[in-house]
């Protein structure tokens, strides 16, 4: 069996544009630009931003606007959505937005599509979605988007810009639905292992077993998400990881907040159950926390287990210098 090495596959970045406690969205976007410029220099392949709503700690709600901002501040790295939650939008609007982005930054834009709303019911209503929508029409919405980008679109309504631009469409998923749909449609697939690790292998198997070649893709291409928090010492890496864990617990409690700084004493802030969950998460394959040696070993194992064609890395770190250092450590492994 061929063992994949870091240099054999592209590595990419997933950015949720965290809004830090005591900061604001403007500062978050400045940090994202700085990160994008660094990871481009370090050889990362893509820089994706994710759509979320009604979450004070995540600044990437207007995803296409932020993609344009990042693309304008960089030169070569591909920039895209990881993803746009298509049920929140009319496909024509997304076609026009991403057609515009592709026209400004040709050959650099990706359109990753998710099926979940990325929000609660009240927010879904505010986004003008019908609350009866279950995402069952997602395949039809994807087909509509593909038509808008084709050379010879069918229908009276066309996307300008958009027509003939062939913006690459990816399907994103955390279960088997999008894995099978992307396989049947012959599209690249990105699995959210960074928050649904238990379904990773099943979804990837479904994708590979059902893949049908298409004009977009001749062979299956799977990108897998993973959380990486790397630091020069194990203690600092685990301390930095408490920020992202606090974010998760606050969401579980139904009380989302801005992105909080790391904490020293878990016992003072968390219940015994939450501490146990945190320690269990540190041992999962898709939550890699540690020194360069630890990260190299665990990320290599993750790559070879999943047989991923590409890995997209989420590093939710409060302090910008630590966030940059985390991605720099991974970049050093690519060399």
C-alpha atoms as a PDB file:
ATOM      1  CA  UNK A   1       0.000   0.000   0.000  1.00  0.00           C
ATOM      2  CA  UNK A   2       1.310   3.413  -0.965  1.00  0.00           C
ATOM      3  CA  UNK A   3       1.785   5.626   2.085  1.00  0.00           C
ATOM      4  CA  UNK A   4       0.831   9.213   1.391  1.00  0.00           C
ATOM      5  CA  UNK A   5       3.135  11.956   2.587  1.00  0.00           C
ATOM      6  CA  UNK A   6       2.362  15.615   3.224  1.00  0.00           C
ATOM      7  CA  UNK A   7       4.120  16.623   0.027  1.00  0.00           C
ATOM      8  CA  UNK A   8       1.910  14.206  -1.937  1.00  0.00           C
ATOM      9  CA  UNK A   9      -1.369  16.001  -1.263  1.00  0.00           C
ATOM     10  CA  UNK A  10      -2.487  19.622  -1.085  1.00  0.00           C
ATOM     11  CA  UNK A  11      -3.331  21.175   2.272  1.00  0.00           C
ATOM     12  CA  UNK A  12      -5.894  23.958   2.575  1.00  0.00           C
ATOM     13  CA  UNK A  13      -7.378  26.319   5.170  1.00  0.00           C
ATOM     14  CA  UNK A  14     -10.896  26.596   6.592  1.00  0.00           C
ATOM     15  CA  UNK A  15     -11.536  29.964   8.254  1.00  0.00           C
ATOM     16  CA  UNK A  16     -14.638  30.752  10.330  1.00  0.00           C
ATOM     17  CA  UNK A  17     -13.454  34.362  10.738  1.00  0.00           C
ATOM     18  CA  UNK A  18     -13.608  34.162  14.550  1.00  0.00           C
ATOM     19  CA  UNK A  19     -14.673  37.359  16.291  1.00  0.00           C
ATOM     20  CA  UNK A  20     -12.650  37.465  19.495  1.00  0.00           C
ATOM     21  CA  UNK A  21     -13.989  38.541  22.863  1.00  0.00           C
ATOM     22  CA  UNK A  22     -13.348  42.287  23.213  1.00  0.00           C
ATOM     23  CA  UNK A  23     -12.818  42.669  19.473  1.00  0.00           C
ATOM     24  CA  UNK A  24     -15.077  43.185  16.438  1.00  0.00           C
ATOM     25  CA  UNK A  25     -15.765  41.894  12.936  1.00  0.00           C
ATOM     26  CA  UNK A  26     -13.469  44.457  11.288  1.00  0.00           C
ATOM     27  CA  UNK A  27     -10.516  43.203  13.310  1.00  0.00           C
ATOM     28  CA  UNK A  28     -11.511  39.607  12.552  1.00  0.00           C
ATOM     29  CA  UNK A  29     -11.362  40.314   8.826  1.00  0.00           C
ATOM     30  CA  UNK A  30      -7.960  41.988   9.148  1.00  0.00           C
ATOM     31  CA  UNK A  31      -6.682  38.862  10.903  1.00  0.00           C
ATOM     32  CA  UNK A  32      -8.161  36.684   8.137  1.00  0.00           C
ATOM     33  CA  UNK A  33      -6.378  38.725   5.472  1.00  0.00           C
ATOM     34  CA  UNK A  34      -3.097  38.381   7.358  1.00  0.00           C
ATOM     35  CA  UNK A  35      -3.598  34.632   7.697  1.00  0.00           C
ATOM     36  CA  UNK A  36      -4.509  34.226   4.020  1.00  0.00           C
ATOM     37  CA  UNK A  37      -1.404  36.119   2.923  1.00  0.00           C
ATOM     38  CA  UNK A  38       0.795  33.952   5.142  1.00  0.00           C
ATOM     39  CA  UNK A  39      -0.669  30.588   4.112  1.00  0.00           C
ATOM     40  CA  UNK A  40      -0.433  31.572   0.440  1.00  0.00           C
ATOM     41  CA  UNK A  41       3.276  32.220   0.956  1.00  0.00           C
ATOM     42  CA  UNK A  42       3.615  28.907   2.814  1.00  0.00           C
ATOM     43  CA  UNK A  43       2.133  26.891  -0.063  1.00  0.00           C
ATOM     44  CA  UNK A  44      -1.427  26.115   1.021  1.00  0.00           C
ATOM     45  CA  UNK A  45      -3.811  25.345  -1.841  1.00  0.00           C
ATOM     46  CA  UNK A  46      -7.184  26.898  -0.885  1.00  0.00           C
ATOM     47  CA  UNK A  47      -8.621  29.338   1.601  1.00  0.00           C
ATOM     48  CA  UNK A  48     -12.284  28.622   2.326  1.00  0.00           C
ATOM     49  CA  UNK A  49     -14.765  30.556   4.457  1.00  0.00           C
ATOM     50  CA  UNK A  50     -17.924  29.126   6.005  1.00  0.00           C
ATOM     51  CA  UNK A  51     -21.436  30.580   6.166  1.00  0.00           C
ATOM     52  CA  UNK A  52     -22.940  30.810   9.664  1.00  0.00           C
ATOM     53  CA  UNK A  53     -25.672  33.076  10.998  1.00  0.00           C
ATOM     54  CA  UNK A  54     -26.743  34.500  14.351  1.00  0.00           C
ATOM     55  CA  UNK A  55     -23.421  33.525  15.958  1.00  0.00           C
ATOM     56  CA  UNK A  56     -21.525  36.430  17.552  1.00  0.00           C
ATOM     57  CA  UNK A  57     -18.231  34.538  17.431  1.00  0.00           C
ATOM     58  CA  UNK A  58     -18.256  33.853  13.665  1.00  0.00           C
ATOM     59  CA  UNK A  59     -17.876  36.724  11.213  1.00  0.00           C
ATOM     60  CA  UNK A  60     -18.281  34.975   7.846  1.00  0.00           C
ATOM     61  CA  UNK A  61     -22.063  35.321   7.425  1.00  0.00           C
ATOM     62  CA  UNK A  62     -21.793  37.338   4.179  1.00  0.00           C
ATOM     63  CA  UNK A  63     -19.552  34.651   2.758  1.00  0.00           C
ATOM     64  CA  UNK A  64     -19.252  35.813  -0.855  1.00  0.00           C
ATOM     65  CA  UNK A  65     -18.365  39.353   0.248  1.00  0.00           C
ATOM     66  CA  UNK A  66     -15.566  38.058   2.465  1.00  0.00           C
ATOM     67  CA  UNK A  67     -14.319  35.725  -0.290  1.00  0.00           C
ATOM     68  CA  UNK A  68     -13.901  38.759  -2.537  1.00  0.00           C
ATOM     69  CA  UNK A  69     -12.059  40.602   0.231  1.00  0.00           C
ATOM     70  CA  UNK A  70      -9.611  37.717   0.759  1.00  0.00           C
ATOM     71  CA  UNK A  71      -9.115  37.106  -2.960  1.00  0.00           C
ATOM     72  CA  UNK A  72      -8.350  40.798  -3.464  1.00  0.00           C
ATOM     73  CA  UNK A  73      -5.666  40.694  -0.771  1.00  0.00           C
ATOM     74  CA  UNK A  74      -3.928  37.592  -2.192  1.00  0.00           C
ATOM     75  CA  UNK A  75      -2.475  36.634  -5.560  1.00  0.00           C
ATOM     76  CA  UNK A  76      -2.531  32.894  -6.267  1.00  0.00           C
ATOM     77  CA  UNK A  77      -4.324  30.876  -3.589  1.00  0.00           C
ATOM     78  CA  UNK A  78      -7.796  29.597  -4.490  1.00  0.00           C
ATOM     79  CA  UNK A  79     -10.531  31.214  -2.386  1.00  0.00           C
ATOM     80  CA  UNK A  80     -13.990  29.814  -1.859  1.00  0.00           C
ATOM     81  CA  UNK A  81     -16.859  28.781   0.356  1.00  0.00           C
ATOM     82  CA  UNK A  82     -16.724  25.936   2.799  1.00  0.00           C
ATOM     83  CA  UNK A  83     -19.535  26.398   2.338  1.00  0.00           C
ATOM     84  CA  UNK A  84     -22.466  28.457   1.174  1.00  0.00           C
ATOM     85  CA  UNK A  85     -25.619  26.964   2.697  1.00  0.00           C
ATOM     86  CA  UNK A  86     -27.669  26.723  -0.472  1.00  0.00           C
ATOM     87  CA  UNK A  87     -31.119  26.287   1.174  1.00  0.00           C
ATOM     88  CA  UNK A  88     -30.721  29.853   2.510  1.00  0.00           C
ATOM     89  CA  UNK A  89     -30.467  31.368  -0.966  1.00  0.00           C
ATOM     90  CA  UNK A  90     -31.994  31.501  -4.418  1.00  0.00           C
ATOM     91  CA  UNK A  91     -29.562  29.641  -6.714  1.00  0.00           C
ATOM     92  CA  UNK A  92     -29.648  32.553  -9.174  1.00  0.00           C
ATOM     93  CA  UNK A  93     -28.313  34.927  -6.502  1.00  0.00           C
ATOM     94  CA  UNK A  94     -25.429  32.557  -5.709  1.00  0.00           C
ATOM     95  CA  UNK A  95     -24.694  32.121  -9.424  1.00  0.00           C
ATOM     96  CA  UNK A  96     -24.517  35.894  -9.887  1.00  0.00           C
ATOM     97  CA  UNK A  97     -22.346  36.385  -6.799  1.00  0.00           C
ATOM     98  CA  UNK A  98     -19.857  33.651  -7.687  1.00  0.00           C
ATOM     99  CA  UNK A  99     -19.987  34.531 -11.368  1.00  0.00           C
ATOM    100  CA  UNK A 100     -18.957  38.028 -10.351  1.00  0.00           C
ATOM    101  CA  UNK A 101     -16.150  36.680  -8.158  1.00  0.00           C
ATOM    102  CA  UNK A 102     -14.898  34.424 -10.954  1.00  0.00           C
ATOM    103  CA  UNK A 103     -14.975  37.336 -13.409  1.00  0.00           C
ATOM    104  CA  UNK A 104     -12.826  39.444 -11.057  1.00  0.00           C
ATOM    105  CA  UNK A 105     -10.480  36.622  -9.941  1.00  0.00           C
ATOM    106  CA  UNK A 106     -10.492  34.142 -12.864  1.00  0.00           C
ATOM    107  CA  UNK A 107      -9.381  30.612 -12.067  1.00  0.00           C
ATOM    108  CA  UNK A 108      -9.237  31.193  -8.306  1.00  0.00           C
ATOM    109  CA  UNK A 109     -12.821  30.804  -7.027  1.00  0.00           C
ATOM    110  CA  UNK A 110     -14.428  27.654  -5.553  1.00  0.00           C
ATOM    111  CA  UNK A 111     -18.117  27.224  -4.727  1.00  0.00           C
ATOM    112  CA  UNK A 112     -18.580  24.731  -1.910  1.00  0.00           C
ATOM    113  CA  UNK A 113     -22.247  24.037  -1.152  1.00  0.00           C
ATOM    114  CA  UNK A 114     -23.833  22.798   2.050  1.00  0.00           C
ATOM    115  CA  UNK A 115     -27.317  21.410   2.591  1.00  0.00           C
ATOM    116  CA  UNK A 116     -27.817  22.467   6.213  1.00  0.00           C
ATOM    117  CA  UNK A 117     -29.236  25.920   7.034  1.00  0.00           C
ATOM    118  CA  UNK A 118     -26.340  26.839   9.336  1.00  0.00           C
ATOM    119  CA  UNK A 119     -28.790  28.505  11.696  1.00  0.00           C
ATOM    120  CA  UNK A 120     -31.794  28.030  13.970  1.00  0.00           C
ATOM    121  CA  UNK A 121     -35.447  28.249  12.893  1.00  0.00           C
ATOM    122  CA  UNK A 122     -35.864  31.921  13.761  1.00  0.00           C
ATOM    123  CA  UNK A 123     -32.754  32.811  11.772  1.00  0.00           C
ATOM    124  CA  UNK A 124     -33.899  30.612   8.896  1.00  0.00           C
ATOM    125  CA  UNK A 125     -37.153  32.569   8.802  1.00  0.00           C
ATOM    126  CA  UNK A 126     -35.251  35.863   8.850  1.00  0.00           C
ATOM    127  CA  UNK A 127     -33.252  34.620   5.857  1.00  0.00           C
ATOM    128  CA  UNK A 128     -36.600  34.265   4.002  1.00  0.00           C
ATOM    129  CA  UNK A 129     -36.569  30.498   3.889  1.00  0.00           C
ATOM    130  CA  UNK A 130     -39.819  28.632   4.279  1.00  0.00           C
ATOM    131  CA  UNK A 131     -39.660  26.740   7.535  1.00  0.00           C
ATOM    132  CA  UNK A 132     -41.190  23.727   5.781  1.00  0.00           C
ATOM    133  CA  UNK A 133     -38.029  23.305   3.713  1.00  0.00           C
ATOM    134  CA  UNK A 134     -36.112  20.192   4.737  1.00  0.00           C
ATOM    135  CA  UNK A 135     -33.288  20.390   2.215  1.00  0.00           C
ATOM    136  CA  UNK A 136     -34.975  17.708   0.104  1.00  0.00           C
ATOM    137  CA  UNK A 137     -34.802  20.004  -2.925  1.00  0.00           C
ATOM    138  CA  UNK A 138     -31.032  20.425  -2.557  1.00  0.00           C
ATOM    139  CA  UNK A 139     -30.272  18.199  -5.592  1.00  0.00           C
ATOM    140  CA  UNK A 140     -32.556  20.361  -7.755  1.00  0.00           C
ATOM    141  CA  UNK A 141     -30.919  23.534  -6.432  1.00  0.00           C
ATOM    142  CA  UNK A 142     -27.459  22.176  -7.287  1.00  0.00           C
ATOM    143  CA  UNK A 143     -28.606  21.283 -10.808  1.00  0.00           C
ATOM    144  CA  UNK A 144     -30.017  24.779 -11.214  1.00  0.00           C
ATOM    145  CA  UNK A 145     -26.648  26.270 -10.242  1.00  0.00           C
ATOM    146  CA  UNK A 146     -24.784  23.975 -12.638  1.00  0.00           C
ATOM    147  CA  UNK A 147     -27.077  25.134 -15.427  1.00  0.00           C
ATOM    148  CA  UNK A 148     -26.380  28.812 -14.717  1.00  0.00           C
ATOM    149  CA  UNK A 149     -22.609  28.240 -15.069  1.00  0.00           C
ATOM    150  CA  UNK A 150     -22.811  26.093 -18.222  1.00  0.00           C
ATOM    151  CA  UNK A 151     -21.904  27.224 -21.754  1.00  0.00           C
ATOM    152  CA  UNK A 152     -25.447  26.683 -23.005  1.00  0.00           C
ATOM    153  CA  UNK A 153     -27.812  27.220 -20.079  1.00  0.00           C
ATOM    154  CA  UNK A 154     -31.415  26.186 -20.511  1.00  0.00           C
ATOM    155  CA  UNK A 155     -34.296  28.491 -19.555  1.00  0.00           C
ATOM    156  CA  UNK A 156     -35.466  32.070 -19.843  1.00  0.00           C
ATOM    157  CA  UNK A 157     -33.513  33.293 -16.783  1.00  0.00           C
ATOM    158  CA  UNK A 158     -29.737  33.355 -17.084  1.00  0.00           C
ATOM    159  CA  UNK A 159     -26.939  34.428 -14.755  1.00  0.00           C
ATOM    160  CA  UNK A 160     -24.896  37.449 -15.822  1.00  0.00           C
ATOM    161  CA  UNK A 161     -22.070  37.130 -14.925  1.00  0.00           C
ATOM    162  CA  UNK A 162     -22.079  33.363 -14.575  1.00  0.00           C
ATOM    163  CA  UNK A 163     -22.945  31.854 -17.931  1.00  0.00           C
ATOM    164  CA  UNK A 164     -20.014  29.886 -19.326  1.00  0.00           C
ATOM    165  CA  UNK A 165     -17.719  30.535 -16.362  1.00  0.00           C
ATOM    166  CA  UNK A 166     -17.720  26.944 -15.042  1.00  0.00           C
ATOM    167  CA  UNK A 167     -17.099  27.898 -11.399  1.00  0.00           C
ATOM    168  CA  UNK A 168     -16.005  24.641  -9.708  1.00  0.00           C
ATOM    169  CA  UNK A 169     -18.829  23.284  -7.546  1.00  0.00           C
ATOM    170  CA  UNK A 170     -18.057  21.145  -4.511  1.00  0.00           C
ATOM    171  CA  UNK A 171     -20.586  19.435  -2.279  1.00  0.00           C
ATOM    172  CA  UNK A 172     -19.945  19.531   1.448  1.00  0.00           C
ATOM    173  CA  UNK A 173     -21.358  17.108   3.958  1.00  0.00           C
ATOM    174  CA  UNK A 174     -21.296  15.629   7.442  1.00  0.00           C
ATOM    175  CA  UNK A 175     -23.351  12.531   6.551  1.00  0.00           C
ATOM    176  CA  UNK A 176     -23.935  10.227   3.603  1.00  0.00           C
ATOM    177  CA  UNK A 177     -26.448  12.366   1.694  1.00  0.00           C
ATOM    178  CA  UNK A 178     -24.019  14.780   0.026  1.00  0.00           C
ATOM    179  CA  UNK A 179     -21.442  12.003  -0.358  1.00  0.00           C
ATOM    180  CA  UNK A 180     -23.845  10.036  -2.554  1.00  0.00           C
ATOM    181  CA  UNK A 181     -25.125  13.107  -4.398  1.00  0.00           C
ATOM    182  CA  UNK A 182     -21.631  14.357  -5.249  1.00  0.00           C
ATOM    183  CA  UNK A 183     -20.693  10.841  -6.391  1.00  0.00           C
ATOM    184  CA  UNK A 184     -23.739  10.513  -8.662  1.00  0.00           C
ATOM    185  CA  UNK A 185     -23.158  13.992 -10.113  1.00  0.00           C
ATOM    186  CA  UNK A 186     -19.408  13.438 -10.518  1.00  0.00           C
ATOM    187  CA  UNK A 187     -18.437  16.383  -8.314  1.00  0.00           C
ATOM    188  CA  UNK A 188     -15.606  16.821  -5.802  1.00  0.00           C
ATOM    189  CA  UNK A 189     -16.663  16.142  -2.229  1.00  0.00           C
ATOM    190  CA  UNK A 190     -15.530  17.690   1.062  1.00  0.00           C
ATOM    191  CA  UNK A 191     -16.405  15.897   4.286  1.00  0.00           C
ATOM    192  CA  UNK A 192     -16.653  17.801   7.580  1.00  0.00           C
ATOM    193  CA  UNK A 193     -14.670  15.352   9.660  1.00  0.00           C
ATOM    194  CA  UNK A 194     -13.645  18.251  11.907  1.00  0.00           C
ATOM    195  CA  UNK A 195     -17.104  18.162  13.501  1.00  0.00           C
ATOM    196  CA  UNK A 196     -18.558  14.794  12.402  1.00  0.00           C
ATOM    197  CA  UNK A 197     -15.620  12.395  12.786  1.00  0.00           C
ATOM    198  CA  UNK A 198     -17.733   9.292  13.440  1.00  0.00           C
ATOM    199  CA  UNK A 199     -19.192   9.301   9.914  1.00  0.00           C
ATOM    200  CA  UNK A 200     -16.002  10.061   8.000  1.00  0.00           C
ATOM    201  CA  UNK A 201     -15.091   6.622   6.687  1.00  0.00           C
ATOM    202  CA  UNK A 202     -18.679   5.669   5.873  1.00  0.00           C
ATOM    203  CA  UNK A 203     -19.234   8.859   3.857  1.00  0.00           C
ATOM    204  CA  UNK A 204     -15.955   8.528   1.968  1.00  0.00           C
ATOM    205  CA  UNK A 205     -16.751   4.905   1.134  1.00  0.00           C
ATOM    206  CA  UNK A 206     -20.169   5.902  -0.210  1.00  0.00           C
ATOM    207  CA  UNK A 207     -18.547   8.600  -2.333  1.00  0.00           C
ATOM    208  CA  UNK A 208     -15.926   6.340  -3.872  1.00  0.00           C
ATOM    209  CA  UNK A 209     -18.262   3.388  -4.433  1.00  0.00           C
ATOM    210  CA  UNK A 210     -20.934   5.445  -6.198  1.00  0.00           C
ATOM    211  CA  UNK A 211     -18.768   7.900  -8.151  1.00  0.00           C
ATOM    212  CA  UNK A 212     -19.698   8.455 -11.796  1.00  0.00           C
ATOM    213  CA  UNK A 213     -17.277  10.375 -14.048  1.00  0.00           C
ATOM    214  CA  UNK A 214     -18.570  13.694 -15.348  1.00  0.00           C
ATOM    215  CA  UNK A 215     -17.480  16.642 -17.448  1.00  0.00           C
ATOM    216  CA  UNK A 216     -16.338  18.270 -14.189  1.00  0.00           C
ATOM    217  CA  UNK A 217     -14.356  15.333 -12.795  1.00  0.00           C
ATOM    218  CA  UNK A 218     -13.066  12.055 -14.251  1.00  0.00           C
ATOM    219  CA  UNK A 219     -12.081  10.423 -10.963  1.00  0.00           C
ATOM    220  CA  UNK A 220     -13.330  10.905  -7.375  1.00  0.00           C
ATOM    221  CA  UNK A 221     -11.696  13.716  -5.431  1.00  0.00           C
ATOM    222  CA  UNK A 222     -12.285  13.928  -1.690  1.00  0.00           C
ATOM    223  CA  UNK A 223     -11.113  16.655   0.659  1.00  0.00           C
ATOM    224  CA  UNK A 224     -11.454  15.984   4.385  1.00  0.00           C
ATOM    225  CA  UNK A 225     -11.652  18.542   7.184  1.00  0.00           C
ATOM    226  CA  UNK A 226      -9.572  18.237  10.336  1.00  0.00           C
ATOM    227  CA  UNK A 227      -8.937  20.428  13.385  1.00  0.00           C
ATOM    228  CA  UNK A 228      -5.264  21.138  14.017  1.00  0.00           C
ATOM    229  CA  UNK A 229      -3.885  23.239  16.854  1.00  0.00           C
ATOM    230  CA  UNK A 230      -0.112  23.076  16.732  1.00  0.00           C
ATOM    231  CA  UNK A 231       2.330  24.795  19.060  1.00  0.00           C
ATOM    232  CA  UNK A 232       5.947  24.426  20.073  1.00  0.00           C
ATOM    233  CA  UNK A 233       4.986  22.699  23.343  1.00  0.00           C
ATOM    234  CA  UNK A 234       2.210  20.240  24.129  1.00  0.00           C
ATOM    235  CA  UNK A 235       1.086  22.305  27.103  1.00  0.00           C
ATOM    236  CA  UNK A 236       0.590  25.447  25.015  1.00  0.00           C
ATOM    237  CA  UNK A 237      -1.261  23.572  22.282  1.00  0.00           C
ATOM    238  CA  UNK A 238      -3.710  22.062  24.789  1.00  0.00           C
ATOM    239  CA  UNK A 239      -4.164  25.447  26.457  1.00  0.00           C
ATOM    240  CA  UNK A 240      -4.922  27.078  23.090  1.00  0.00           C
ATOM    241  CA  UNK A 241      -7.436  24.321  22.329  1.00  0.00           C
ATOM    242  CA  UNK A 242      -9.631  25.386  25.241  1.00  0.00           C
ATOM    243  CA  UNK A 243     -10.890  28.357  23.190  1.00  0.00           C
ATOM    244  CA  UNK A 244     -12.465  26.225  20.472  1.00  0.00           C
ATOM    245  CA  UNK A 245     -13.804  23.849  23.107  1.00  0.00           C
ATOM    246  CA  UNK A 246     -15.453  26.719  24.976  1.00  0.00           C
ATOM    247  CA  UNK A 247     -17.090  27.721  21.705  1.00  0.00           C
ATOM    248  CA  UNK A 248     -18.483  24.212  21.280  1.00  0.00           C
ATOM    249  CA  UNK A 249     -19.797  24.051  24.843  1.00  0.00           C
ATOM    250  CA  UNK A 250     -21.448  27.454  24.541  1.00  0.00           C
ATOM    251  CA  UNK A 251     -23.237  26.254  21.412  1.00  0.00           C
ATOM    252  CA  UNK A 252     -24.313  23.079  23.202  1.00  0.00           C
ATOM    253  CA  UNK A 253     -25.753  25.241  25.976  1.00  0.00           C
ATOM    254  CA  UNK A 254     -27.634  27.347  23.429  1.00  0.00           C
ATOM    255  CA  UNK A 255     -25.627  30.419  24.405  1.00  0.00           C
ATOM    256  CA  UNK A 256     -23.235  31.294  21.544  1.00  0.00           C
ATOM    257  CA  UNK A 257     -20.708  33.984  22.426  1.00  0.00           C
ATOM    258  CA  UNK A 258     -17.766  35.730  20.863  1.00  0.00           C
ATOM    259  CA  UNK A 259     -14.606  33.624  20.601  1.00  0.00           C
ATOM    260  CA  UNK A 260     -13.136  33.453  24.090  1.00  0.00           C
ATOM    261  CA  UNK A 261      -9.482  33.366  25.193  1.00  0.00           C
ATOM    262  CA  UNK A 262      -7.907  30.155  26.498  1.00  0.00           C
ATOM    263  CA  UNK A 263      -8.483  29.256  30.137  1.00  0.00           C
ATOM    264  CA  UNK A 264      -5.994  27.948  32.677  1.00  0.00           C
ATOM    265  CA  UNK A 265      -8.268  26.142  35.108  1.00  0.00           C
ATOM    266  CA  UNK A 266     -10.832  23.905  33.473  1.00  0.00           C
ATOM    267  CA  UNK A 267     -12.364  22.925  36.800  1.00  0.00           C
ATOM    268  CA  UNK A 268     -13.451  26.506  37.503  1.00  0.00           C
ATOM    269  CA  UNK A 269     -15.210  26.997  34.166  1.00  0.00           C
ATOM    270  CA  UNK A 270     -16.518  23.572  33.115  1.00  0.00           C
ATOM    271  CA  UNK A 271     -18.517  20.743  34.563  1.00  0.00           C
ATOM    272  CA  UNK A 272     -16.901  17.341  35.094  1.00  0.00           C
ATOM    273  CA  UNK A 273     -18.806  16.064  32.042  1.00  0.00           C
ATOM    274  CA  UNK A 274     -17.492  18.882  29.845  1.00  0.00           C
ATOM    275  CA  UNK A 275     -13.922  18.285  31.000  1.00  0.00           C
ATOM    276  CA  UNK A 276     -14.329  14.607  30.126  1.00  0.00           C
ATOM    277  CA  UNK A 277     -15.670  15.507  26.667  1.00  0.00           C
ATOM    278  CA  UNK A 278     -12.761  17.902  26.114  1.00  0.00           C
ATOM    279  CA  UNK A 279     -10.178  15.261  26.986  1.00  0.00           C
ATOM    280  CA  UNK A 280     -11.969  12.701  24.829  1.00  0.00           C
ATOM    281  CA  UNK A 281     -12.017  15.121  21.888  1.00  0.00           C
ATOM    282  CA  UNK A 282      -8.259  15.641  22.204  1.00  0.00           C
ATOM    283  CA  UNK A 283      -7.867  11.934  21.465  1.00  0.00           C
ATOM    284  CA  UNK A 284     -10.018  11.860  18.320  1.00  0.00           C
ATOM    285  CA  UNK A 285      -8.425  11.485  14.887  1.00  0.00           C
ATOM    286  CA  UNK A 286      -9.914  14.741  13.587  1.00  0.00           C
ATOM    287  CA  UNK A 287      -8.864  16.911  16.566  1.00  0.00           C
ATOM    288  CA  UNK A 288      -5.087  17.067  16.449  1.00  0.00           C
ATOM    289  CA  UNK A 289      -3.490  19.099  19.230  1.00  0.00           C
ATOM    290  CA  UNK A 290       0.188  19.159  20.043  1.00  0.00           C
ATOM    291  CA  UNK A 291       3.807  19.742  19.113  1.00  0.00           C
ATOM    292  CA  UNK A 292       5.156  19.466  15.561  1.00  0.00           C
ATOM    293  CA  UNK A 293       6.075  15.812  16.148  1.00  0.00           C
ATOM    294  CA  UNK A 294       2.611  14.964  17.514  1.00  0.00           C
ATOM    295  CA  UNK A 295       0.856  16.779  14.684  1.00  0.00           C
ATOM    296  CA  UNK A 296       3.058  15.154  12.046  1.00  0.00           C
ATOM    297  CA  UNK A 297       2.361  11.674  13.369  1.00  0.00           C
ATOM    298  CA  UNK A 298      -1.391  12.123  13.825  1.00  0.00           C
ATOM    299  CA  UNK A 299      -1.981  14.031  10.601  1.00  0.00           C
ATOM    300  CA  UNK A 300      -0.031  11.424   8.641  1.00  0.00           C
ATOM    301  CA  UNK A 301      -2.175   8.685  10.181  1.00  0.00           C
ATOM    302  CA  UNK A 302      -5.346  10.641   9.385  1.00  0.00           C
ATOM    303  CA  UNK A 303      -4.312  11.148   5.759  1.00  0.00           C
ATOM    304  CA  UNK A 304      -3.481   7.492   5.265  1.00  0.00           C
ATOM    305  CA  UNK A 305      -6.618   6.228   6.954  1.00  0.00           C
ATOM    306  CA  UNK A 306      -8.968   8.444   4.955  1.00  0.00           C
ATOM    307  CA  UNK A 307      -6.968   8.252   1.690  1.00  0.00           C
ATOM    308  CA  UNK A 308      -7.914  11.904   1.260  1.00  0.00           C
ATOM    309  CA  UNK A 309      -6.894  13.656  -1.935  1.00  0.00           C
ATOM    310  CA  UNK A 310      -6.671  16.902   0.029  1.00  0.00           C
ATOM    311  CA  UNK A 311      -6.987  18.002   3.653  1.00  0.00           C
ATOM    312  CA  UNK A 312      -8.570  21.254   4.790  1.00  0.00           C
ATOM    313  CA  UNK A 313      -7.413  22.438   8.200  1.00  0.00           C
ATOM    314  CA  UNK A 314      -9.392  24.421  10.748  1.00  0.00           C
ATOM    315  CA  UNK A 315      -7.263  26.070  13.449  1.00  0.00           C
ATOM    316  CA  UNK A 316      -9.515  28.000  15.806  1.00  0.00           C
ATOM    317  CA  UNK A 317      -6.977  29.867  17.926  1.00  0.00           C
ATOM    318  CA  UNK A 318      -7.610  33.057  19.917  1.00  0.00           C
ATOM    319  CA  UNK A 319      -4.213  34.749  19.694  1.00  0.00           C
ATOM    320  CA  UNK A 320      -3.233  35.679  16.130  1.00  0.00           C
ATOM    321  CA  UNK A 321       0.453  34.944  16.605  1.00  0.00           C
ATOM    322  CA  UNK A 322      -0.423  31.430  17.838  1.00  0.00           C
ATOM    323  CA  UNK A 323      -2.870  30.945  14.972  1.00  0.00           C
ATOM    324  CA  UNK A 324      -0.210  31.865  12.441  1.00  0.00           C
ATOM    325  CA  UNK A 325       2.321  29.648  14.167  1.00  0.00           C
ATOM    326  CA  UNK A 326      -0.083  26.691  14.085  1.00  0.00           C
ATOM    327  CA  UNK A 327      -0.405  26.903  10.300  1.00  0.00           C
ATOM    328  CA  UNK A 328       3.317  27.596   9.942  1.00  0.00           C
ATOM    329  CA  UNK A 329       4.111  24.342  11.748  1.00  0.00           C
ATOM    330  CA  UNK A 330       1.912  22.442   9.297  1.00  0.00           C
ATOM    331  CA  UNK A 331       3.525  24.290   6.381  1.00  0.00           C
ATOM    332  CA  UNK A 332       6.957  23.217   7.598  1.00  0.00           C
ATOM    333  CA  UNK A 333       5.779  19.600   7.397  1.00  0.00           C
ATOM    334  CA  UNK A 334       4.823  20.081   3.732  1.00  0.00           C
ATOM    335  CA  UNK A 335       8.457  20.940   2.989  1.00  0.00           C
END
